[in-house]
Protein backbone atom coordinates (compact mmCIF):
# COMPACT_ATOMS: atom_id res chain seq x y z
CA UNK A 1 89.91 -66.38 112.45
CA UNK A 2 86.27 -67.38 112.05
CA UNK A 3 84.07 -64.87 110.21
CA UNK A 4 80.29 -64.45 110.00
CA UNK A 5 80.17 -66.15 106.59
CA UNK A 6 81.84 -69.20 108.13
CA UNK A 7 79.09 -69.48 110.71
CA UNK A 8 76.34 -69.19 108.10
CA UNK A 9 77.95 -72.02 106.10
CA UNK A 10 78.45 -74.26 109.14
CA UNK A 11 75.40 -73.37 111.28
CA UNK A 12 73.48 -76.57 110.60
CA UNK A 13 76.47 -78.80 111.33
CA UNK A 14 77.25 -76.72 114.43
CA UNK A 15 73.74 -77.21 115.80
CA UNK A 16 73.81 -80.93 114.96
CA UNK A 17 77.20 -81.35 116.63
CA UNK A 18 78.74 -82.62 113.39
CA UNK A 19 81.84 -80.40 113.36
CA UNK A 20 85.37 -81.27 114.41
CA UNK A 21 86.32 -79.92 117.83
CA UNK A 22 88.65 -77.23 116.48
CA UNK A 23 86.03 -75.76 114.13
CA UNK A 24 83.29 -76.02 116.77
CA UNK A 25 85.45 -74.13 119.27
CA UNK A 26 86.26 -71.45 116.68
CA UNK A 27 82.57 -70.91 115.98
CA UNK A 28 81.83 -70.84 119.71
CA UNK A 29 84.40 -68.08 120.25
CA UNK A 30 82.98 -66.15 117.31
CA UNK A 31 79.50 -66.44 118.84
CA UNK A 32 80.83 -64.95 122.08
CA UNK A 33 81.95 -61.88 120.15
CA UNK A 34 79.26 -61.49 117.47
CA UNK A 35 75.71 -60.69 118.54
CA UNK A 36 74.44 -60.82 114.95
CA UNK A 37 75.56 -64.42 114.57
CA UNK A 38 74.03 -65.33 117.95
CA UNK A 39 70.73 -63.92 116.69
CA UNK A 40 71.10 -65.79 113.40
CA UNK A 41 71.74 -69.07 115.20
CA UNK A 42 68.76 -68.47 117.50
CA UNK A 43 66.54 -67.86 114.46
CA UNK A 44 67.64 -71.18 113.01
CA UNK A 45 66.90 -72.92 116.32
CA UNK A 46 63.45 -71.32 116.44
CA UNK A 47 62.76 -72.35 112.84
CA UNK A 48 63.75 -75.96 113.53
CA UNK A 49 61.58 -76.01 116.65
CA UNK A 50 58.60 -74.57 114.74
CA UNK A 51 58.94 -77.01 111.85
CA UNK A 52 59.06 -79.95 114.26
CA UNK A 53 55.83 -78.80 115.89
CA UNK A 54 54.01 -78.02 112.66
CA UNK A 55 55.27 -80.98 110.66
CA UNK A 56 52.27 -82.92 109.37
CA UNK A 57 52.04 -86.56 110.28
CA UNK A 58 52.00 -88.69 107.15
CA UNK A 59 50.26 -91.99 106.96
CA UNK A 60 52.54 -94.90 106.30
CA UNK A 61 50.37 -95.92 103.35
CA UNK A 62 51.20 -92.89 101.19
CA UNK A 63 51.45 -93.98 97.56
CA UNK A 64 54.56 -92.05 96.53
CA UNK A 65 54.40 -93.31 92.95
CA UNK A 66 50.86 -92.01 92.49
CA UNK A 67 51.86 -88.71 94.08
CA UNK A 68 54.84 -88.40 91.74
CA UNK A 69 52.58 -89.04 88.73
CA UNK A 70 50.13 -86.35 89.88
CA UNK A 71 52.95 -83.83 90.37
CA UNK A 72 54.36 -84.66 86.95
CA UNK A 73 50.93 -84.18 85.36
CA UNK A 74 50.49 -80.85 87.13
CA UNK A 75 53.89 -79.65 85.96
CA UNK A 76 53.00 -80.54 82.36
CA UNK A 77 49.79 -78.48 82.58
CA UNK A 78 51.80 -75.41 83.63
CA UNK A 79 54.07 -75.67 80.57
């Protein structure tokens, strides 16, 4: 029997459709019964939707090496 903790562990894979049929069906049945888990799943969907909208567009010319050096220097200053 699927429990709430199972849904929290598998929510991302469930939403992505990356679960085997048997597990996906078990979570679906649990969602029919458990309003708290339906709310939890809806919150995750809303979060994903919001992040997609607010995600900044990066330029393709980002110098990741220079950025890594700056972050490393900043972390040294905090020590």
